[in-house]
Amino acid sequence: MKKTILVTTMLFSLFLVKAQDQNSNTVYQFEKKNDVKLNAYSTSLGLFEVTYERNLNKNSSLGIVGLYAFSQKFDEDVNYQISPFYRRYFSKKYASGFFTEGFATLGSIDGKQLYDLDGNLTLNEGPDVIDLSLGASVGYKWVTKSGIVFEALFGMGGNLFNAYKTDHDIINRRAISIGYRF
């Protein structure tokens, strides 16, 4: 009799362990991994900026940003940029909340330089400058249950190679974005 109770108890405990294992796997099984966003702030300045982000796990992601200037109305001196990035999230929710990011930017900016010669400002219009930049950003991401993504971020970086050919030796990242997680 004791053996029967012992065997029954052991089989029951195995079913419980298996049930707990299945539940723990389904927590992240349906987490969506991809975000696509449009930067509304940049669009208002005559720049088209779109972001793709792949969530690696609940705390980190990789992504790429593409930016193109379709209007020089607001005197933004950037022509185009491509920026891969890595993000680290500090929230209990899946790939959302406060984050920091490191990014690299390959971009083209106008080759304008201002010189001060004896109190007179002189503008030198050089050719467009292509440069590589490294930088860091901080931001916050909100994700609704329906998959709508809102994001705000600010970051800065420095040009590495051709900063002497233009007045723009520091780049910045500013975004107020809306998108969708799928």
Protein backbone atom coordinates (compact mmCIF):
# COMPACT_ATOMS: atom_id res chain seq x y z
CA MET A 1 0.00 0.00 0.00
CA LYS A 2 2.81 2.35 0.88
CA LYS A 3 4.46 1.69 -2.49
CA THR A 4 1.26 2.53 -4.37
CA ILE A 5 0.87 5.84 -2.52
CA LEU A 6 4.54 6.68 -3.11
CA VAL A 7 4.34 5.93 -6.86
CA THR A 8 1.08 7.92 -7.20
CA THR A 9 2.59 10.89 -5.37
CA MET A 10 5.71 10.84 -7.55
CA LEU A 11 3.69 10.68 -10.80
CA PHE A 12 1.45 13.51 -9.63
CA SER A 13 4.48 15.66 -8.76
CA LEU A 14 5.97 15.01 -12.22
CA PHE A 15 2.75 16.27 -13.85
CA LEU A 16 2.90 19.40 -11.69
CA VAL A 17 6.51 20.09 -12.67
CA LYS A 18 5.67 19.60 -16.35
CA ALA A 19 2.66 21.94 -16.03
CA GLN A 20 4.83 24.61 -14.42
CA ASP A 21 7.41 24.26 -17.19
CA GLN A 22 4.77 24.74 -19.91
CA ASN A 23 3.38 27.86 -18.22
CA SER A 24 6.80 29.46 -17.88
CA ASN A 25 7.50 28.95 -21.61
CA THR A 26 4.23 30.50 -22.73
CA VAL A 27 4.92 33.78 -20.91
CA TYR A 28 7.27 34.98 -23.66
CA GLN A 29 6.08 32.70 -26.45
CA PHE A 30 3.68 35.32 -27.81
CA GLU A 31 5.86 38.41 -27.26
CA LYS A 32 6.15 40.32 -30.51
CA LYS A 33 9.70 40.90 -31.66
CA ASN A 34 9.57 43.68 -34.30
CA ASP A 35 8.90 47.42 -34.05
CA VAL A 36 8.53 49.85 -36.96
CA LYS A 37 8.33 53.56 -36.10
CA LEU A 38 8.04 56.93 -37.83
CA ASN A 39 9.62 59.96 -36.18
CA ALA A 40 6.88 62.62 -36.13
CA TYR A 41 9.25 65.28 -34.76
CA SER A 42 11.70 64.94 -37.66
CA THR A 43 8.87 64.87 -40.19
CA SER A 44 7.73 68.26 -38.94
CA LEU A 45 11.26 69.57 -39.73
CA GLY A 46 11.31 68.28 -43.32
CA LEU A 47 13.12 65.02 -42.54
CA PHE A 48 11.81 61.51 -43.12
CA GLU A 49 13.06 59.15 -40.40
CA VAL A 50 11.95 55.55 -40.02
CA THR A 51 13.18 52.99 -37.48
CA TYR A 52 13.15 49.19 -37.44
CA GLU A 53 13.89 47.51 -34.12
CA ARG A 54 14.27 43.79 -33.39
CA ASN A 55 13.71 42.84 -29.74
CA LEU A 56 16.26 40.21 -28.72
CA ASN A 57 14.75 39.61 -25.28
CA LYS A 58 12.87 41.60 -22.65
CA ASN A 59 15.90 43.78 -21.85
CA SER A 60 17.69 44.41 -25.16
CA SER A 61 17.19 45.07 -28.85
CA LEU A 62 19.03 45.91 -32.05
CA GLY A 63 17.80 48.31 -34.69
CA ILE A 64 18.52 50.62 -37.57
CA VAL A 65 17.37 54.15 -38.34
CA GLY A 66 17.19 55.67 -41.81
CA LEU A 67 16.87 59.45 -42.22
CA TYR A 68 16.48 61.47 -45.42
CA ALA A 69 16.03 65.24 -45.82
CA PHE A 70 13.17 65.91 -48.24
CA SER A 71 13.04 69.64 -47.49
CA GLN A 72 15.60 72.28 -46.45
CA LYS A 73 12.83 74.57 -45.17
CA PHE A 74 14.08 74.60 -41.58
CA ASP A 75 17.79 74.76 -42.48
CA GLU A 76 18.58 71.30 -41.19
CA ASP A 77 22.04 70.66 -42.62
CA VAL A 78 21.74 66.89 -42.74
CA ASN A 79 21.24 65.15 -46.11
CA TYR A 80 20.88 61.53 -45.00
CA GLN A 81 21.88 59.22 -42.14
CA ILE A 82 21.92 55.50 -41.46
CA SER A 83 22.29 54.58 -37.78
CA PRO A 84 22.46 51.07 -36.32
CA PHE A 85 21.94 50.91 -32.55
CA TYR A 86 21.85 48.63 -29.51
CA ARG A 87 19.37 49.30 -26.70
CA ARG A 88 19.21 48.17 -23.10
CA TYR A 89 15.84 48.44 -21.32
CA PHE A 90 15.49 48.90 -17.55
CA SER A 91 11.86 47.93 -17.05
CA LYS A 92 9.96 44.85 -15.94
CA LYS A 93 7.83 44.96 -19.11
CA TYR A 94 8.96 43.35 -22.34
CA ALA A 95 11.25 45.73 -24.34
CA SER A 96 9.65 48.94 -23.11
CA GLY A 97 10.15 51.62 -20.48
CA PHE A 98 13.36 53.59 -19.83
CA PHE A 99 16.31 52.69 -22.05
CA THR A 100 19.84 53.70 -22.97
CA GLU A 101 21.30 53.14 -26.40
CA GLY A 102 24.62 53.22 -28.15
CA PHE A 103 24.62 54.12 -31.84
CA ALA A 104 26.88 54.63 -34.83
CA THR A 105 25.87 56.97 -37.66
CA LEU A 106 27.07 57.11 -41.23
CA GLY A 107 25.71 60.30 -42.72
CA SER A 108 26.07 63.20 -45.09
CA ILE A 109 25.91 66.82 -43.93
CA ASP A 110 26.38 70.14 -45.67
CA GLY A 111 29.98 71.35 -45.85
CA LYS A 112 29.28 74.85 -44.52
CA GLN A 113 31.93 76.62 -42.48
CA LEU A 114 31.83 80.05 -40.86
CA TYR A 115 35.13 81.90 -40.40
CA ASP A 116 35.75 85.01 -38.31
CA LEU A 117 38.31 87.17 -40.10
CA ASP A 118 38.96 90.42 -38.22
CA GLY A 119 35.40 90.64 -36.92
CA ASN A 120 33.78 89.72 -40.27
CA LEU A 121 31.95 86.41 -40.61
CA THR A 122 32.69 84.59 -43.85
CA LEU A 123 30.65 81.61 -45.05
CA ASN A 124 32.47 78.91 -46.98
CA GLU A 125 30.15 76.53 -48.88
CA GLY A 126 32.17 73.35 -49.33
CA PRO A 127 31.02 70.02 -50.74
CA ASP A 128 28.85 67.70 -48.65
CA VAL A 129 30.77 65.82 -45.95
CA ILE A 130 30.29 62.10 -45.25
CA ASP A 131 31.37 61.00 -41.78
CA LEU A 132 31.02 58.27 -39.18
CA SER A 133 29.82 59.18 -35.69
CA LEU A 134 29.49 57.34 -32.39
CA GLY A 135 27.11 58.37 -29.63
CA ALA A 136 24.64 57.50 -26.89
CA SER A 137 20.96 58.20 -26.26
CA VAL A 138 18.41 57.91 -23.47
CA GLY A 139 14.69 57.55 -23.92
CA TYR A 140 11.40 55.99 -22.94
CA LYS A 141 9.10 53.64 -24.87
CA TRP A 142 5.42 52.94 -24.24
CA VAL A 143 3.68 49.94 -25.85
CA THR A 144 -0.09 49.45 -25.76
CA LYS A 145 -1.78 46.05 -25.61
CA SER A 146 -2.85 46.47 -29.24
CA GLY A 147 0.79 46.94 -30.33
CA ILE A 148 0.91 50.72 -30.83
CA VAL A 149 4.36 52.07 -29.86
CA PHE A 150 5.16 55.60 -28.62
CA GLU A 151 8.77 56.62 -28.07
CA ALA A 152 10.74 59.69 -27.05
CA LEU A 153 14.54 59.89 -27.07
CA PHE A 154 17.46 62.30 -27.06
CA GLY A 155 21.10 61.56 -27.77
CA MET A 156 24.37 63.04 -28.92
CA GLY A 157 27.45 61.82 -30.73
CA GLY A 158 30.62 63.11 -32.33
CA ASN A 159 31.94 62.94 -35.87
CA LEU A 160 35.12 60.88 -36.02
CA PHE A 161 36.96 61.64 -39.27
CA ASN A 162 35.83 64.71 -41.23
CA ALA A 163 34.69 67.12 -38.51
CA TYR A 164 37.28 69.70 -39.63
CA LYS A 165 35.55 70.01 -43.05
CA THR A 166 32.32 71.41 -41.56
CA ASP A 167 30.98 73.29 -38.56
CA HIS A 168 28.97 70.23 -37.55
CA ASP A 169 31.26 68.17 -35.38
CA ILE A 170 28.46 67.00 -33.04
CA ILE A 171 25.35 65.16 -34.16
CA ASN A 172 22.19 64.72 -32.16
CA ARG A 173 19.32 62.27 -32.16
CA ARG A 174 15.90 63.60 -31.30
CA ALA A 175 12.74 61.58 -31.70
CA ILE A 176 9.09 61.61 -30.83
CA SER A 177 7.97 58.50 -32.68
CA ILE A 178 4.85 56.46 -33.22
CA GLY A 179 4.82 52.96 -34.60
CA TYR A 180 3.58 49.40 -34.41
CA ARG A 181 4.89 46.22 -32.81
CA PHE A 182 4.35 42.99 -34.71
